[in-house]
Amino acid sequence: MRHALLFAAALAFSGCLDKIILEGTLKGTRDAAHVFDTLSDLEVAKEGAGSSIVTLEGELSMAPDNEDGLFLLTQSWVGYGGAFIEDAWERAYDRGDEDEEAFQADRARQAYERALTYGTRLLEKKRPGFVAAQKNTETITKYLAGFTAKEDAENLLWVGAAWLSRGGVASERPEVVADLFVGVALLERSVELDESLTYATGLSALAAYHARAPDAELKQAKDLFEKALKLTDRKALSVQVLYAQNYACNAHDEKLYRSLLGEVLASGDVLPEQRLENVIARRKAERYLKTPRLKRCGF
């Protein structure tokens, strides 16, 4: 009996040690994740991101409540969906391949829903009641008011980004569109807590939402984009791309559209810490100045 108890205790200790090591690994991965942003080779980035997501999925399955793991998978699925899957979606649209366009849009939707699965678990862990608060604008705003620390802004940012990104690729689904107010509220609270976070990503995402159509809130969108440009010193080039793609396109301002995208293409390595995002922005800018995208904007 004594030997059995000692064996059981040894197994328990081993399990605890494995968990401690795993949680340390996840924390280290989160702390070092910024290095990925300095890459310039898109193929390396794409392959590395895919492999990292698979690894993180496995690690989180062994530590399902780990906040670093939940955050990393939320952020990673949003980033992969936007940088690589949506790129394939846009290219399919530009060449008129409707079947491929639908396929890639569905892939992107699934990526964002995966992000939302982890993001929801993260917010419920930080402050229970997120799912129950999704009834209407009043209930979600009241829930989000409970997040008061600047450190909370990052979690809210990526869950909100996943929410609105899903809406962008699944706009034909009424149930997705009907819930967009949740994503807007998440981003608004994130911006209230830290508007400069991740090179004004929250401001840019909100601006893109408000410029989602010619009859949307274009004045508000323009103000938000200009604020984001000022906060980033015009070095985070995704701001200019989103500004052109959403506001200038839907406002039918061809001069501004070409100016913003031209600025992106003329920029060098202006922000090494954000090199990968800027490489992606330049690739988009080049594509957006070609005929299919110009026609889409009515230019």
Protein backbone atom coordinates (compact mmCIF):
# COMPACT_ATOMS: atom_id res chain seq x y z
CA MET A 1 0.00 0.00 0.00
CA ARG A 2 2.80 2.41 0.95
CA HIS A 3 4.54 1.82 -2.38
CA ALA A 4 1.27 2.45 -4.23
CA LEU A 5 0.76 5.74 -2.39
CA LEU A 6 4.33 6.81 -3.11
CA PHE A 7 3.86 5.97 -6.79
CA ALA A 8 0.63 7.98 -6.92
CA ALA A 9 2.34 10.91 -5.21
CA ALA A 10 5.21 10.72 -7.70
CA LEU A 11 2.79 10.79 -10.62
CA ALA A 12 0.96 13.78 -9.13
CA PHE A 13 4.24 15.63 -8.61
CA SER A 14 5.32 14.82 -12.16
CA GLY A 15 2.00 16.12 -13.49
CA CYS A 16 2.34 19.36 -11.53
CA LEU A 17 5.91 19.79 -12.73
CA ASP A 18 4.85 19.22 -16.35
CA LYS A 19 2.10 21.83 -15.94
CA ILE A 20 4.52 24.35 -14.45
CA ILE A 21 6.95 23.79 -17.33
CA LEU A 22 4.15 24.08 -19.90
CA GLU A 23 2.79 27.28 -18.40
CA GLY A 24 6.30 28.71 -18.34
CA THR A 25 6.66 27.78 -22.01
CA LEU A 26 3.42 29.55 -22.91
CA LYS A 27 4.44 32.67 -21.00
CA GLY A 28 7.82 32.65 -22.70
CA THR A 29 6.17 32.25 -26.09
CA ARG A 30 3.95 35.25 -25.42
CA ASP A 31 6.86 37.36 -24.20
CA ALA A 32 8.91 36.52 -27.32
CA ALA A 33 6.07 36.76 -29.86
CA HIS A 34 7.04 40.30 -30.89
CA VAL A 35 10.10 38.89 -32.70
CA PHE A 36 7.75 37.38 -35.30
CA ASP A 37 6.67 40.91 -36.27
CA THR A 38 10.19 41.73 -37.48
CA LEU A 39 10.17 39.11 -40.27
CA SER A 40 10.14 40.24 -43.89
CA ASP A 41 9.74 36.94 -45.76
CA LEU A 42 6.02 36.24 -46.13
CA GLU A 43 6.46 32.56 -46.97
CA VAL A 44 8.55 31.98 -43.87
CA ALA A 45 5.99 33.89 -41.84
CA LYS A 46 3.06 31.92 -43.26
CA GLU A 47 4.63 28.53 -42.65
CA GLY A 48 5.88 29.56 -39.22
CA ALA A 49 2.52 30.95 -38.19
CA GLY A 50 0.68 27.80 -39.22
CA SER A 51 3.13 25.56 -37.36
CA SER A 52 2.99 27.78 -34.28
CA ILE A 53 -0.79 27.64 -34.17
CA VAL A 54 -0.77 23.84 -34.29
CA THR A 55 1.80 23.74 -31.47
CA LEU A 56 -0.18 26.20 -29.37
CA GLU A 57 -3.37 24.22 -29.89
CA GLY A 58 -1.64 21.12 -28.54
CA GLU A 59 -0.10 22.94 -25.59
CA LEU A 60 -3.37 24.57 -24.59
CA SER A 61 -5.15 21.21 -24.67
CA MET A 62 -2.87 20.23 -21.76
CA ALA A 63 -3.40 23.51 -19.90
CA PRO A 64 -6.89 24.62 -21.04
CA ASP A 65 -7.22 27.50 -18.56
CA ASN A 66 -3.85 29.09 -19.24
CA GLU A 67 -4.44 32.77 -20.02
CA ASP A 68 -1.28 33.18 -22.08
CA GLY A 69 -2.31 30.25 -24.28
CA LEU A 70 -5.85 31.53 -24.69
CA PHE A 71 -4.57 34.98 -25.62
CA LEU A 72 -1.96 33.67 -28.06
CA LEU A 73 -4.48 31.51 -29.92
CA THR A 74 -6.99 34.36 -30.09
CA GLN A 75 -4.37 36.70 -31.51
CA SER A 76 -2.78 34.08 -33.77
CA TRP A 77 -6.01 33.00 -35.46
CA VAL A 78 -6.95 36.64 -36.09
CA GLY A 79 -3.51 37.38 -37.49
CA TYR A 80 -3.37 34.29 -39.68
CA GLY A 81 -6.87 34.86 -41.01
CA GLY A 82 -6.18 38.48 -41.88
CA ALA A 83 -2.66 38.16 -43.24
CA PHE A 84 -2.91 34.94 -45.23
CA ILE A 85 -6.44 33.58 -45.65
CA GLU A 86 -8.01 36.93 -46.51
CA ASP A 87 -5.16 37.54 -48.92
CA ALA A 88 -6.15 34.38 -50.83
CA TRP A 89 -9.80 35.46 -50.63
CA GLU A 90 -9.05 38.86 -52.16
CA ARG A 91 -6.91 37.40 -54.91
CA ALA A 92 -9.72 34.99 -55.83
CA TYR A 93 -12.14 37.93 -56.02
CA ASP A 94 -9.77 39.92 -58.22
CA ARG A 95 -9.44 37.15 -60.79
CA GLY A 96 -13.18 36.42 -60.76
CA ASP A 97 -12.96 32.91 -59.29
CA GLU A 98 -16.24 32.79 -57.36
CA ASP A 99 -15.85 29.23 -56.08
CA GLU A 100 -12.38 29.92 -54.68
CA GLU A 101 -13.57 33.23 -53.28
CA ALA A 102 -16.37 31.50 -51.36
CA PHE A 103 -14.01 28.77 -50.16
CA GLN A 104 -11.44 31.23 -48.81
CA ALA A 105 -14.11 33.42 -47.21
CA ASP A 106 -15.38 30.38 -45.33
CA ARG A 107 -11.83 29.49 -44.26
CA ALA A 108 -11.40 33.00 -42.90
CA ARG A 109 -14.73 32.82 -41.08
CA GLN A 110 -13.69 29.58 -39.42
CA ALA A 111 -10.35 31.11 -38.37
CA TYR A 112 -12.11 34.03 -36.72
CA GLU A 113 -14.62 31.76 -35.05
CA ARG A 114 -11.72 29.73 -33.70
CA ALA A 115 -10.26 32.96 -32.33
CA LEU A 116 -13.59 33.82 -30.74
CA THR A 117 -13.78 30.44 -29.06
CA TYR A 118 -10.51 31.09 -27.25
CA GLY A 119 -11.20 34.79 -26.76
CA THR A 120 -14.54 34.04 -25.12
CA ARG A 121 -12.91 31.59 -22.74
CA LEU A 122 -10.27 34.19 -21.92
CA LEU A 123 -12.76 36.94 -21.11
CA GLU A 124 -14.97 34.59 -19.12
CA LYS A 125 -11.93 33.61 -17.08
CA LYS A 126 -10.91 37.24 -16.52
CA ARG A 127 -14.45 38.41 -15.76
CA PRO A 128 -17.33 35.90 -15.89
CA GLY A 129 -20.51 36.98 -17.67
CA PHE A 130 -19.28 37.79 -21.20
CA VAL A 131 -21.63 35.41 -23.00
CA ALA A 132 -24.62 36.41 -20.89
CA ALA A 133 -23.86 40.10 -21.57
CA GLN A 134 -24.25 39.73 -25.35
CA LYS A 135 -27.98 40.50 -25.28
CA ASN A 136 -27.79 44.10 -26.43
CA THR A 137 -25.60 47.20 -26.45
CA GLU A 138 -26.59 48.16 -22.92
CA THR A 139 -25.71 44.80 -21.37
CA ILE A 140 -22.37 44.42 -23.16
CA THR A 141 -21.37 48.01 -22.33
CA LYS A 142 -22.18 47.43 -18.66
CA TYR A 143 -20.14 44.21 -18.65
CA LEU A 144 -17.13 45.80 -20.35
CA ALA A 145 -17.12 48.70 -17.89
CA GLY A 146 -15.82 46.17 -15.38
CA PHE A 147 -12.52 46.09 -17.24
CA THR A 148 -10.66 49.07 -15.82
CA ALA A 149 -6.94 48.29 -16.12
CA LYS A 150 -4.82 49.32 -19.08
CA GLU A 151 -3.61 45.71 -19.26
CA ASP A 152 -7.17 44.59 -20.10
CA ALA A 153 -7.09 46.51 -23.39
CA GLU A 154 -5.06 43.86 -25.22
CA ASN A 155 -7.51 41.04 -24.51
CA LEU A 156 -10.47 43.18 -25.54
CA LEU A 157 -8.68 44.34 -28.68
CA TRP A 158 -8.10 40.89 -30.14
CA VAL A 159 -11.51 39.50 -29.27
CA GLY A 160 -13.09 42.60 -30.79
CA ALA A 161 -10.88 42.31 -33.88
CA ALA A 162 -11.94 38.68 -34.32
CA TRP A 163 -15.58 39.69 -34.00
CA LEU A 164 -15.48 42.40 -36.65
CA SER A 165 -13.19 40.40 -38.95
CA ARG A 166 -15.72 37.58 -38.96
CA GLY A 167 -18.37 40.08 -39.96
CA GLY A 168 -16.21 41.23 -42.84
CA VAL A 169 -16.02 37.78 -44.43
CA ALA A 170 -19.51 36.57 -43.50
CA SER A 171 -21.63 39.63 -44.19
CA GLU A 172 -24.24 37.47 -45.91
CA ARG A 173 -25.07 35.77 -42.62
CA PRO A 174 -27.76 37.73 -40.72
CA GLU A 175 -26.83 36.21 -37.37
CA VAL A 176 -23.24 37.42 -37.75
CA VAL A 177 -24.23 40.94 -38.78
CA ALA A 178 -26.77 41.18 -35.97
CA ASP A 179 -24.04 40.61 -33.38
CA LEU A 180 -21.51 43.12 -34.70
CA PHE A 181 -22.40 45.49 -31.87
CA VAL A 182 -20.51 43.18 -29.51
CA GLY A 183 -17.28 43.56 -31.48
CA VAL A 184 -17.74 47.32 -31.70
CA ALA A 185 -18.25 47.55 -27.93
CA LEU A 186 -15.14 45.45 -27.27
CA LEU A 187 -12.98 47.68 -29.46
CA GLU A 188 -14.43 50.87 -28.06
CA ARG A 189 -13.61 49.76 -24.51
CA SER A 190 -10.12 48.69 -25.57
CA VAL A 191 -9.50 52.09 -27.14
CA GLU A 192 -10.80 53.83 -24.03
CA LEU A 193 -8.23 51.96 -21.98
CA ASP A 194 -5.30 52.32 -24.43
CA GLU A 195 -5.87 53.85 -27.84
CA SER A 196 -2.24 53.54 -28.94
CA LEU A 197 -2.06 49.78 -28.29
CA THR A 198 -0.50 47.68 -31.08
CA TYR A 199 0.06 50.71 -33.31
CA ALA A 200 -3.51 52.01 -32.95
CA THR A 201 -5.02 48.75 -34.22
CA GLY A 202 -8.21 49.31 -32.24
CA LEU A 203 -8.73 52.79 -33.70
CA SER A 204 -8.11 51.52 -37.23
CA ALA A 205 -10.49 48.60 -36.82
CA LEU A 206 -13.23 50.86 -35.49
CA ALA A 207 -12.61 53.33 -38.31
CA ALA A 208 -12.90 50.55 -40.89
CA TYR A 209 -16.19 49.47 -39.33
CA HIS A 210 -17.62 53.00 -39.45
CA ALA A 211 -16.59 53.23 -43.14
CA ARG A 212 -18.11 49.85 -44.02
CA ALA A 213 -20.50 51.31 -46.63
CA PRO A 214 -21.11 54.59 -48.50
CA ASP A 215 -24.04 55.35 -46.18
CA ALA A 216 -22.22 54.44 -42.94
CA GLU A 217 -20.56 56.81 -40.47
CA LEU A 218 -17.89 58.18 -42.82
CA LYS A 219 -17.12 61.37 -40.91
CA GLN A 220 -16.49 59.38 -37.74
CA ALA A 221 -14.36 56.92 -39.69
CA LYS A 222 -12.21 59.70 -41.18
CA ASP A 223 -11.60 61.23 -37.76
CA LEU A 224 -10.55 57.88 -36.32
CA PHE A 225 -8.21 57.13 -39.22
CA GLU A 226 -6.56 60.55 -38.93
CA LYS A 227 -6.07 59.99 -35.22
CA ALA A 228 -4.49 56.60 -35.89
CA LEU A 229 -2.13 58.12 -38.47
CA LYS A 230 -1.04 60.73 -35.95
CA LEU A 231 -0.49 58.19 -33.16
CA THR A 232 1.62 55.96 -35.41
CA ASP A 233 3.52 58.80 -37.07
CA ARG A 234 2.28 57.28 -40.36
CA LYS A 235 4.77 54.40 -39.95
CA ALA A 236 2.30 51.55 -39.32
CA LEU A 237 1.27 51.23 -42.96
CA SER A 238 -1.81 49.10 -42.36
CA VAL A 239 -3.54 52.26 -41.20
CA GLN A 240 -3.14 53.86 -44.65
CA VAL A 241 -4.26 50.66 -46.38
CA LEU A 242 -7.41 50.37 -44.27
CA TYR A 243 -8.05 54.09 -44.72
CA ALA A 244 -7.93 53.71 -48.49
CA GLN A 245 -9.72 50.37 -48.65
CA ASN A 246 -12.63 51.46 -46.49
CA TYR A 247 -13.05 55.22 -46.19
CA ALA A 248 -11.60 56.49 -49.48
CA CYS A 249 -13.24 53.70 -51.46
CA ASN A 250 -16.71 54.15 -49.95
CA ALA A 251 -16.43 57.95 -49.98
CA HIS A 252 -15.47 57.71 -53.69
CA ASP A 253 -12.41 59.84 -53.04
CA GLU A 254 -10.03 58.55 -55.70
CA LYS A 255 -7.40 61.21 -55.03
CA LEU A 256 -7.12 60.25 -51.36
CA TYR A 257 -7.24 56.54 -52.25
CA ARG A 258 -4.30 56.78 -54.63
CA SER A 259 -2.38 59.09 -52.31
CA LEU A 260 -2.63 56.76 -49.31
CA LEU A 261 -1.65 53.66 -51.26
CA GLY A 262 1.13 55.50 -53.06
CA GLU A 263 2.49 56.56 -49.68
CA VAL A 264 2.58 52.93 -48.58
CA LEU A 265 4.44 51.81 -51.71
CA ALA A 266 6.96 54.63 -51.38
CA SER A 267 7.74 53.81 -47.75
CA GLY A 268 10.86 51.90 -46.90
CA ASP A 269 11.58 49.91 -43.75
CA VAL A 270 10.13 52.70 -41.61
CA LEU A 271 9.14 50.57 -38.62
CA PRO A 272 11.37 47.48 -38.12
CA GLU A 273 9.34 46.39 -35.09
CA GLN A 274 6.32 46.09 -37.40
CA ARG A 275 8.17 44.94 -40.51
CA LEU A 276 5.96 41.94 -41.33
CA GLU A 277 2.73 43.93 -41.08
CA ASN A 278 4.21 46.63 -43.29
CA VAL A 279 5.34 44.09 -45.91
CA ILE A 280 1.77 42.77 -45.99
CA ALA A 281 0.47 46.35 -46.26
CA ARG A 282 2.70 47.05 -49.26
CA ARG A 283 1.51 43.89 -51.00
CA LYS A 284 -2.10 44.94 -50.46
CA ALA A 285 -1.42 48.48 -51.65
CA GLU A 286 0.05 47.20 -54.89
CA ARG A 287 -2.99 44.99 -55.50
CA TYR A 288 -5.50 47.69 -54.55
CA LEU A 289 -4.13 49.98 -57.26
CA LYS A 290 -4.94 47.47 -59.97
CA THR A 291 -8.07 47.43 -62.10
CA PRO A 292 -10.30 44.98 -60.16
CA ARG A 293 -10.02 46.97 -56.94
CA LEU A 294 -10.32 50.34 -58.65
CA LYS A 295 -13.52 49.17 -60.34
CA ARG A 296 -14.84 47.87 -57.03
CA CYS A 297 -14.54 51.41 -55.65
CA GLY A 298 -16.14 52.90 -58.74
CA PHE A 299 -12.97 54.65 -59.94
